PDB file of N, CA and C in Angstrom:
ATOM      1  N   UNK A   1       0.860  -1.165   0.000  1.00  0.00           N
ATOM      2  CA  UNK A   1       0.000   0.000   0.000  1.00  0.00           C
ATOM      3  C   UNK A   1       0.903   1.224   0.000  1.00  0.00           C
ATOM      4  N   UNK A   2       0.602   2.159  -0.860  1.00  0.00           N
ATOM      5  CA  UNK A   2       1.374   3.391  -0.977  1.00  0.00           C
ATOM      6  C   UNK A   2       0.609   4.504  -0.265  1.00  0.00           C
ATOM      7  N   UNK A   3       1.302   5.307   0.537  1.00  0.00           N
ATOM      8  CA  UNK A   3       0.680   6.423   1.246  1.00  0.00           C
ATOM      9  C   UNK A   3       1.351   7.715   0.813  1.00  0.00           C
ATOM     10  N   UNK A   4       0.546   8.707   0.447  1.00  0.00           N
ATOM     11  CA  UNK A   4       1.056  10.014   0.043  1.00  0.00           C
ATOM     12  C   UNK A   4       0.438  11.080   0.921  1.00  0.00           C
ATOM     13  N   UNK A   5       1.293  11.943   1.470  1.00  0.00           N
ATOM     14  CA  UNK A   5       0.828  12.994   2.372  1.00  0.00           C
ATOM     15  C   UNK A   5       0.274  14.197   1.630  1.00  0.00           C
ATOM     16  N   UNK A   6      -0.752  14.790   2.207  1.00  0.00           N
ATOM     17  CA  UNK A   6      -1.319  16.047   1.720  1.00  0.00           C
ATOM     18  C   UNK A   6      -1.762  16.026   0.276  1.00  0.00           C
ATOM     19  N   UNK A   7      -1.615  17.175  -0.379  1.00  0.00           N
ATOM     20  CA  UNK A   7      -2.122  17.375  -1.739  1.00  0.00           C
ATOM     21  C   UNK A   7      -1.446  16.482  -2.772  1.00  0.00           C
ATOM     22  N   UNK A   8      -0.249  15.973  -2.476  1.00  0.00           N
ATOM     23  CA  UNK A   8       0.455  15.140  -3.456  1.00  0.00           C
ATOM     24  C   UNK A   8      -0.319  13.869  -3.789  1.00  0.00           C
ATOM     25  N   UNK A   9      -1.184  13.415  -2.897  1.00  0.00           N
ATOM     26  CA  UNK A   9      -1.935  12.186  -3.133  1.00  0.00           C
ATOM     27  C   UNK A   9      -3.277  12.362  -3.815  1.00  0.00           C
ATOM     28  N   UNK A  10      -3.697  13.597  -4.042  1.00  0.00           N
ATOM     29  CA  UNK A  10      -5.046  13.832  -4.571  1.00  0.00           C
ATOM     30  C   UNK A  10      -5.277  13.244  -5.959  1.00  0.00           C
ATOM     31  N   UNK A  11      -4.220  13.096  -6.746  1.00  0.00           N
ATOM     32  CA  UNK A  11      -4.345  12.522  -8.086  1.00  0.00           C
ATOM     33  C   UNK A  11      -4.070  11.013  -8.091  1.00  0.00           C
ATOM     34  N   UNK A  12      -3.675  10.476  -6.948  1.00  0.00           N
ATOM     35  CA  UNK A  12      -3.395   9.043  -6.815  1.00  0.00           C
ATOM     36  C   UNK A  12      -4.710   8.347  -6.517  1.00  0.00           C
ATOM     37  N   UNK A  13      -5.430   8.022  -7.581  1.00  0.00           N
ATOM     38  CA  UNK A  13      -6.789   7.521  -7.454  1.00  0.00           C
ATOM     39  C   UNK A  13      -7.138   6.670  -8.664  1.00  0.00           C
ATOM     40  N   UNK A  14      -8.100   5.788  -8.513  1.00  0.00           N
ATOM     41  CA  UNK A  14      -8.573   4.973  -9.627  1.00  0.00           C
ATOM     42  C   UNK A  14      -9.628   5.701 -10.452  1.00  0.00           C
ATOM     43  N   UNK A  15     -10.196   6.779  -9.917  1.00  0.00           N
ATOM     44  CA  UNK A  15     -11.269   7.496 -10.599  1.00  0.00           C
ATOM     45  C   UNK A  15     -10.948   8.987 -10.619  1.00  0.00           C
ATOM     46  N   UNK A  16     -11.921   9.854 -10.347  1.00  0.00           N
ATOM     47  CA  UNK A  16     -11.669  11.287 -10.323  1.00  0.00           C
ATOM     48  C   UNK A  16     -10.730  11.644  -9.177  1.00  0.00           C
ATOM     49  N   UNK A  17     -10.002  12.766  -9.344  1.00  0.00           N
ATOM     50  CA  UNK A  17      -9.124  13.244  -8.283  1.00  0.00           C
ATOM     51  C   UNK A  17      -9.925  13.480  -7.007  1.00  0.00           C
ATOM     52  N   UNK A  18      -9.280  13.278  -5.870  1.00  0.00           N
ATOM     53  CA  UNK A  18      -9.909  13.601  -4.592  1.00  0.00           C
ATOM     54  C   UNK A  18      -9.868  15.120  -4.398  1.00  0.00           C
ATOM     55  N   UNK A  19     -10.852  15.704  -3.704  1.00  0.00           N
ATOM     56  CA  UNK A  19     -10.828  17.147  -3.433  1.00  0.00           C
ATOM     57  C   UNK A  19      -9.837  17.470  -2.308  1.00  0.00           C
ATOM     58  N   UNK A  20      -9.369  18.719  -2.263  1.00  0.00           N
ATOM     59  CA  UNK A  20      -8.478  19.164  -1.183  1.00  0.00           C
ATOM     60  C   UNK A  20      -9.216  19.227   0.145  1.00  0.00           C
ATOM     61  N   UNK A  21     -10.511  19.508   0.088  1.00  0.00           N
ATOM     62  CA  UNK A  21     -11.340  19.622   1.285  1.00  0.00           C
ATOM     63  C   UNK A  21     -12.658  18.901   1.058  1.00  0.00           C
ATOM     64  N   UNK A  22     -13.272  18.481   2.152  1.00  0.00           N
ATOM     65  CA  UNK A  22     -14.586  17.858   2.102  1.00  0.00           C
ATOM     66  C   UNK A  22     -15.320  18.191   3.396  1.00  0.00           C
ATOM     67  N   UNK A  23     -16.583  17.886   3.435  1.00  0.00           N
ATOM     68  CA  UNK A  23     -17.409  18.177   4.607  1.00  0.00           C
ATOM     69  C   UNK A  23     -17.148  17.154   5.716  1.00  0.00           C
ATOM     70  N   UNK A  24     -16.976  17.627   6.937  1.00  0.00           N
ATOM     71  CA  UNK A  24     -16.767  16.758   8.088  1.00  0.00           C
ATOM     72  C   UNK A  24     -18.022  15.921   8.345  1.00  0.00           C
ATOM     73  N   UNK A  25     -17.829  14.625   8.591  1.00  0.00           N
ATOM     74  CA  UNK A  25     -18.960  13.736   8.853  1.00  0.00           C
ATOM     75  C   UNK A  25     -19.568  13.951  10.230  1.00  0.00           C
ATOM     76  N   UNK A  26     -18.836  14.591  11.132  1.00  0.00           N
ATOM     77  CA  UNK A  26     -19.343  14.798  12.482  1.00  0.00           C
ATOM     78  C   UNK A  26     -20.046  16.141  12.639  1.00  0.00           C
ATOM     79  N   UNK A  27     -19.364  17.243  12.275  1.00  0.00           N
ATOM     80  CA  UNK A  27     -19.910  18.578  12.555  1.00  0.00           C
ATOM     81  C   UNK A  27     -20.289  19.379  11.312  1.00  0.00           C
ATOM     82  N   UNK A  28     -19.916  18.904  10.124  1.00  0.00           N
ATOM     83  CA  UNK A  28     -20.291  19.585   8.889  1.00  0.00           C
ATOM     84  C   UNK A  28     -19.361  20.701   8.462  1.00  0.00           C
ATOM     85  N   UNK A  29     -18.318  20.986   9.229  1.00  0.00           N
ATOM     86  CA  UNK A  29     -17.360  22.020   8.848  1.00  0.00           C
ATOM     87  C   UNK A  29     -16.380  21.472   7.809  1.00  0.00           C
ATOM     88  N   UNK A  30     -15.361  22.220   7.507  1.00  0.00           N
ATOM     89  CA  UNK A  30     -14.394  21.856   6.477  1.00  0.00           C
ATOM     90  C   UNK A  30     -13.337  20.901   7.023  1.00  0.00           C
ATOM     91  N   UNK A  31     -13.119  19.811   6.295  1.00  0.00           N
ATOM     92  CA  UNK A  31     -12.048  18.868   6.595  1.00  0.00           C
ATOM     93  C   UNK A  31     -10.997  18.981   5.501  1.00  0.00           C
ATOM     94  N   UNK A  32      -9.733  19.010   5.896  1.00  0.00           N
ATOM     95  CA  UNK A  32      -8.624  19.169   4.943  1.00  0.00           C
ATOM     96  C   UNK A  32      -7.871  17.858   4.769  1.00  0.00           C
ATOM     97  N   UNK A  33      -7.344  17.659   3.550  1.00  0.00           N
ATOM     98  CA  UNK A  33      -6.651  16.415   3.232  1.00  0.00           C
ATOM     99  C   UNK A  33      -5.457  16.199   4.162  1.00  0.00           C
ATOM    100  N   UNK A  34      -5.298  14.958   4.631  1.00  0.00           N
ATOM    101  CA  UNK A  34      -4.146  14.564   5.444  1.00  0.00           C
ATOM    102  C   UNK A  34      -3.245  13.631   4.625  1.00  0.00           C
ATOM    103  N   UNK A  35      -3.860  12.535   4.103  1.00  0.00           N
ATOM    104  CA  UNK A  35      -3.094  11.589   3.295  1.00  0.00           C
ATOM    105  C   UNK A  35      -4.025  10.744   2.441  1.00  0.00           C
ATOM    106  N   UNK A  36      -3.436  10.084   1.432  1.00  0.00           N
ATOM    107  CA  UNK A  36      -4.156   9.143   0.578  1.00  0.00           C
ATOM    108  C   UNK A  36      -3.410   7.812   0.629  1.00  0.00           C
ATOM    109  N   UNK A  37      -4.130   6.742   0.939  1.00  0.00           N
ATOM    110  CA  UNK A  37      -3.584   5.384   0.902  1.00  0.00           C
ATOM    111  C   UNK A  37      -4.121   4.702  -0.351  1.00  0.00           C
ATOM    112  N   UNK A  38      -3.222   4.080  -1.124  1.00  0.00           N
ATOM    113  CA  UNK A  38      -3.572   3.580  -2.446  1.00  0.00           C
ATOM    114  C   UNK A  38      -3.015   2.175  -2.644  1.00  0.00           C
ATOM    115  N   UNK A  39      -3.884   1.231  -2.957  1.00  0.00           N
ATOM    116  CA  UNK A  39      -3.440  -0.122  -3.311  1.00  0.00           C
ATOM    117  C   UNK A  39      -3.107  -0.091  -4.797  1.00  0.00           C
ATOM    118  N   UNK A  40      -1.817  -0.163  -5.113  1.00  0.00           N
ATOM    119  CA  UNK A  40      -1.424   0.067  -6.497  1.00  0.00           C
ATOM    120  C   UNK A  40      -1.165  -1.190  -7.315  1.00  0.00           C
ATOM    121  N   UNK A  41      -0.308  -2.087  -6.820  1.00  0.00           N
ATOM    122  CA  UNK A  41       0.034  -3.293  -7.578  1.00  0.00           C
ATOM    123  C   UNK A  41       0.581  -4.354  -6.639  1.00  0.00           C
ATOM    124  N   UNK A  42       1.142  -5.427  -7.203  1.00  0.00           N
ATOM    125  CA  UNK A  42       1.634  -6.529  -6.385  1.00  0.00           C
ATOM    126  C   UNK A  42       2.673  -6.075  -5.359  1.00  0.00           C
ATOM    127  N   UNK A  43       3.507  -5.109  -5.713  1.00  0.00           N
ATOM    128  CA  UNK A  43       4.552  -4.638  -4.803  1.00  0.00           C
ATOM    129  C   UNK A  43       3.969  -3.901  -3.604  1.00  0.00           C
ATOM    130  N   UNK A  44       2.739  -3.427  -3.727  1.00  0.00           N
ATOM    131  CA  UNK A  44       2.160  -2.618  -2.661  1.00  0.00           C
ATOM    132  C   UNK A  44       1.137  -3.374  -1.822  1.00  0.00           C
ATOM    133  N   UNK A  45       0.961  -4.652  -2.079  1.00  0.00           N
ATOM    134  CA  UNK A  45       0.015  -5.443  -1.298  1.00  0.00           C
ATOM    135  C   UNK A  45       0.501  -5.505   0.152  1.00  0.00           C
ATOM    136  N   UNK A  46      -0.424  -5.353   1.065  1.00  0.00           N
ATOM    137  CA  UNK A  46      -0.044  -5.389   2.474  1.00  0.00           C
ATOM    138  C   UNK A  46       0.458  -6.775   2.853  1.00  0.00           C
ATOM    139  N   UNK A  47       1.227  -6.870   3.931  1.00  0.00           N
ATOM    140  CA  UNK A  47       1.806  -8.137   4.369  1.00  0.00           C
ATOM    141  C   UNK A  47       0.730  -9.214   4.463  1.00  0.00           C
ATOM    142  N   UNK A  48       1.019 -10.348   3.908  1.00  0.00           N
ATOM    143  CA  UNK A  48       0.066 -11.449   3.913  1.00  0.00           C
ATOM    144  C   UNK A  48      -0.598 -11.633   2.557  1.00  0.00           C
ATOM    145  N   UNK A  49      -0.315 -10.737   1.626  1.00  0.00           N
ATOM    146  CA  UNK A  49      -0.813 -10.878   0.270  1.00  0.00           C
ATOM    147  C   UNK A  49      -2.260 -10.512   0.072  1.00  0.00           C
ATOM    148  N   UNK A  50      -2.831  -9.718   0.951  1.00  0.00           N
ATOM    149  CA  UNK A  50      -4.240  -9.369   0.818  1.00  0.00           C
ATOM    150  C   UNK A  50      -4.430  -7.910   0.416  1.00  0.00           C
ATOM    151  N   UNK A  51      -5.498  -7.676  -0.302  1.00  0.00           N
ATOM    152  CA  UNK A  51      -6.008  -6.328  -0.527  1.00  0.00           C
ATOM    153  C   UNK A  51      -7.133  -6.118   0.483  1.00  0.00           C
ATOM    154  N   UNK A  52      -7.526  -4.890   0.697  1.00  0.00           N
ATOM    155  CA  UNK A  52      -8.630  -4.593   1.613  1.00  0.00           C
ATOM    156  C   UNK A  52      -9.879  -5.382   1.218  1.00  0.00           C
ATOM    157  N   UNK A  53     -10.130  -5.487  -0.088  1.00  0.00           N
ATOM    158  CA  UNK A  53     -11.338  -6.186  -0.548  1.00  0.00           C
ATOM    159  C   UNK A  53     -11.360  -7.657  -0.148  1.00  0.00           C
ATOM    160  N   UNK A  54     -10.209  -8.229   0.193  1.00  0.00           N
ATOM    161  CA  UNK A  54     -10.133  -9.634   0.580  1.00  0.00           C
ATOM    162  C   UNK A  54     -10.290  -9.872   2.081  1.00  0.00           C
ATOM    163  N   UNK A  55     -10.404  -8.806   2.859  1.00  0.00           N
ATOM    164  CA  UNK A  55     -10.494  -8.951   4.316  1.00  0.00           C
ATOM    165  C   UNK A  55     -11.856  -9.443   4.792  1.00  0.00           C
ATOM    166  N   UNK A  56     -12.924  -9.047   4.074  1.00  0.00           N
ATOM    167  CA  UNK A  56     -14.284  -9.446   4.439  1.00  0.00           C
ATOM    168  C   UNK A  56     -15.070  -9.723   3.162  1.00  0.00           C
ATOM    169  N   UNK A  57     -16.106 -10.510   3.282  1.00  0.00           N
ATOM    170  CA  UNK A  57     -16.972 -10.802   2.146  1.00  0.00           C
ATOM    171  C   UNK A  57     -18.138  -9.821   2.128  1.00  0.00           C
ATOM    172  N   UNK A  58     -18.411  -9.268   0.969  1.00  0.00           N
ATOM    173  CA  UNK A  58     -19.534  -8.356   0.823  1.00  0.00           C
ATOM    174  C   UNK A  58     -20.718  -9.045   0.174  1.00  0.00           C
ATOM    175  N   UNK A  59     -21.908  -8.577   0.507  1.00  0.00           N
ATOM    176  CA  UNK A  59     -23.137  -9.076  -0.094  1.00  0.00           C
ATOM    177  C   UNK A  59     -24.205  -8.005   0.082  1.00  0.00           C
ATOM    178  N   UNK A  60     -25.368  -8.218  -0.501  1.00  0.00           N
ATOM    179  CA  UNK A  60     -26.444  -7.250  -0.340  1.00  0.00           C
ATOM    180  C   UNK A  60     -26.778  -7.123   1.156  1.00  0.00           C
ATOM    181  N   UNK A  61     -26.764  -5.894   1.651  1.00  0.00           N
ATOM    182  CA  UNK A  61     -27.017  -5.655   3.061  1.00  0.00           C
ATOM    183  C   UNK A  61     -25.772  -5.786   3.929  1.00  0.00           C
ATOM    184  N   UNK A  62     -24.657  -6.166   3.309  1.00  0.00           N
ATOM    185  CA  UNK A  62     -23.384  -6.332   4.002  1.00  0.00           C
ATOM    186  C   UNK A  62     -22.289  -5.859   3.048  1.00  0.00           C
ATOM    187  N   UNK A  63     -22.250  -4.554   2.806  1.00  0.00           N
ATOM    188  CA  UNK A  63     -21.381  -4.007   1.773  1.00  0.00           C
ATOM    189  C   UNK A  63     -19.911  -3.992   2.165  1.00  0.00           C
ATOM    190  N   UNK A  64     -19.056  -4.214   1.158  1.00  0.00           N
ATOM    191  CA  UNK A  64     -17.611  -4.161   1.325  1.00  0.00           C
ATOM    192  C   UNK A  64     -17.000  -3.919  -0.051  1.00  0.00           C
ATOM    193  N   UNK A  65     -15.842  -3.239  -0.137  1.00  0.00           N
ATOM    194  CA  UNK A  65     -15.223  -3.023  -1.448  1.00  0.00           C
ATOM    195  C   UNK A  65     -14.999  -4.338  -2.191  1.00  0.00           C
ATOM    196  N   UNK A  66     -15.113  -4.287  -3.526  1.00  0.00           N
ATOM    197  CA  UNK A  66     -14.975  -5.490  -4.337  1.00  0.00           C
ATOM    198  C   UNK A  66     -13.675  -5.520  -5.134  1.00  0.00           C
ATOM    199  N   UNK A  67     -12.862  -4.454  -5.045  1.00  0.00           N
ATOM    200  CA  UNK A  67     -11.644  -4.353  -5.843  1.00  0.00           C
ATOM    201  C   UNK A  67     -10.621  -3.524  -5.064  1.00  0.00           C
ATOM    202  N   UNK A  68      -9.429  -3.384  -5.609  1.00  0.00           N
ATOM    203  CA  UNK A  68      -8.404  -2.541  -4.991  1.00  0.00           C
ATOM    204  C   UNK A  68      -8.979  -1.142  -4.782  1.00  0.00           C
ATOM    205  N   UNK A  69      -8.538  -0.459  -3.725  1.00  0.00           N
ATOM    206  CA  UNK A  69      -9.135   0.843  -3.412  1.00  0.00           C
ATOM    207  C   UNK A  69      -8.096   1.907  -3.084  1.00  0.00           C
ATOM    208  N   UNK A  70      -8.554   3.137  -3.135  1.00  0.00           N
ATOM    209  CA  UNK A  70      -7.806   4.320  -2.710  1.00  0.00           C
ATOM    210  C   UNK A  70      -8.659   4.996  -1.650  1.00  0.00           C
ATOM    211  N   UNK A  71      -8.015   5.424  -0.557  1.00  0.00           N
ATOM    212  CA  UNK A  71      -8.740   6.073   0.534  1.00  0.00           C
ATOM    213  C   UNK A  71      -8.054   7.396   0.866  1.00  0.00           C
ATOM    214  N   UNK A  72      -8.816   8.481   0.802  1.00  0.00           N
ATOM    215  CA  UNK A  72      -8.323   9.801   1.192  1.00  0.00           C
ATOM    216  C   UNK A  72      -8.844  10.101   2.592  1.00  0.00           C
ATOM    217  N   UNK A  73      -7.953  10.457   3.497  1.00  0.00           N
ATOM    218  CA  UNK A  73      -8.319  10.753   4.876  1.00  0.00           C
ATOM    219  C   UNK A  73      -8.144  12.243   5.130  1.00  0.00           C
ATOM    220  N   UNK A  74      -9.168  12.833   5.734  1.00  0.00           N
ATOM    221  CA  UNK A  74      -9.222  14.269   6.006  1.00  0.00           C
ATOM    222  C   UNK A  74      -9.423  14.483   7.505  1.00  0.00           C
ATOM    223  N   UNK A  75      -8.952  15.636   8.034  1.00  0.00           N
ATOM    224  CA  UNK A  75      -9.199  16.011   9.419  1.00  0.00           C
ATOM    225  C   UNK A  75      -9.914  17.356   9.453  1.00  0.00           C
ATOM    226  N   UNK A  76     -10.932  17.453  10.286  1.00  0.00           N
ATOM    227  CA  UNK A  76     -11.756  18.648  10.392  1.00  0.00           C
ATOM    228  C   UNK A  76     -10.989  19.787  11.077  1.00  0.00           C
ATOM    229  N   UNK A  77     -11.148  20.997  10.535  1.00  0.00           N
ATOM    230  CA  UNK A  77     -10.526  22.186  11.110  1.00  0.00           C
ATOM    231  C   UNK A  77     -11.152  22.567  12.443  1.00  0.00           C
ATOM    232  N   UNK A  78     -12.387  22.154  12.691  1.00  0.00           N
ATOM    233  CA  UNK A  78     -13.121  22.547  13.903  1.00  0.00           C
ATOM    234  C   UNK A  78     -13.069  21.501  15.015  1.00  0.00           C
ATOM    235  N   UNK A  79     -13.325  20.238  14.675  1.00  0.00           N
ATOM    236  CA  UNK A  79     -13.427  19.204  15.717  1.00  0.00           C
ATOM    237  C   UNK A  79     -12.356  18.110  15.610  1.00  0.00           C
ATOM    238  N   UNK A  80     -11.562  18.139  14.566  1.00  0.00           N
ATOM    239  CA  UNK A  80     -10.482  17.184  14.302  1.00  0.00           C
ATOM    240  C   UNK A  80     -10.959  15.759  14.011  1.00  0.00           C
ATOM    241  N   UNK A  81     -12.258  15.566  13.845  1.00  0.00           N
ATOM    242  CA  UNK A  81     -12.806  14.251  13.486  1.00  0.00           C
ATOM    243  C   UNK A  81     -12.274  13.843  12.106  1.00  0.00           C
ATOM    244  N   UNK A  82     -11.842  12.588  11.919  1.00  0.00           N
ATOM    245  CA  UNK A  82     -11.433  12.151  10.588  1.00  0.00           C
ATOM    246  C   UNK A  82     -12.650  11.864   9.702  1.00  0.00           C
ATOM    247  N   UNK A  83     -12.497  12.173   8.447  1.00  0.00           N
ATOM    248  CA  UNK A  83     -13.494  11.857   7.416  1.00  0.00           C
ATOM    249  C   UNK A  83     -12.734  11.172   6.285  1.00  0.00           C
ATOM    250  N   UNK A  84     -13.311  10.182   5.655  1.00  0.00           N
ATOM    251  CA  UNK A  84     -12.629   9.476   4.564  1.00  0.00           C
ATOM    252  C   UNK A  84     -13.508   9.420   3.329  1.00  0.00           C
ATOM    253  N   UNK A  85     -12.869   9.557   2.180  1.00  0.00           N
ATOM    254  CA  UNK A  85     -13.495   9.321   0.883  1.00  0.00           C
ATOM    255  C   UNK A  85     -12.707   8.188   0.230  1.00  0.00           C
ATOM    256  N   UNK A  86     -13.369   7.357  -0.568  1.00  0.00           N
ATOM    257  CA  UNK A  86     -12.629   6.274  -1.226  1.00  0.00           C
ATOM    258  C   UNK A  86     -13.223   6.001  -2.600  1.00  0.00           C
ATOM    259  N   UNK A  87     -12.464   5.277  -3.409  1.00  0.00           N
ATOM    260  CA  UNK A  87     -12.979   4.742  -4.662  1.00  0.00           C
ATOM    261  C   UNK A  87     -12.249   3.430  -4.954  1.00  0.00           C
ATOM    262  N   UNK A  88     -12.720   2.731  -5.964  1.00  0.00           N
ATOM    263  CA  UNK A  88     -12.197   1.392  -6.293  1.00  0.00           C
ATOM    264  C   UNK A  88     -11.740   1.340  -7.740  1.00  0.00           C
ATOM    265  N   UNK A  89     -10.873   0.354  -8.030  1.00  0.00           N
ATOM    266  CA  UNK A  89     -10.385   0.148  -9.384  1.00  0.00           C
ATOM    267  C   UNK A  89     -11.507  -0.285 -10.293  1.00  0.00           C
TER     268      UNK A  89
END
């Protein structure tokens, strides 16, 4: 898994770029990008040979990612609560 700090990771995504800021899930104020974690290829697989999608089984009513993913983590300017956005390959 590759981790990129701050704005450098916003383009490290399988889909559209991540935004620099997003709405806090707790208080609704502005959350700013902290880092992006990205499952890129075989060299970046976490120890044990698993991707996040392999950790749990997903089904209707029990959702889980189905492919390699990118996760952007943000911290709120007001309450410091983390907020995450993600997408899949």
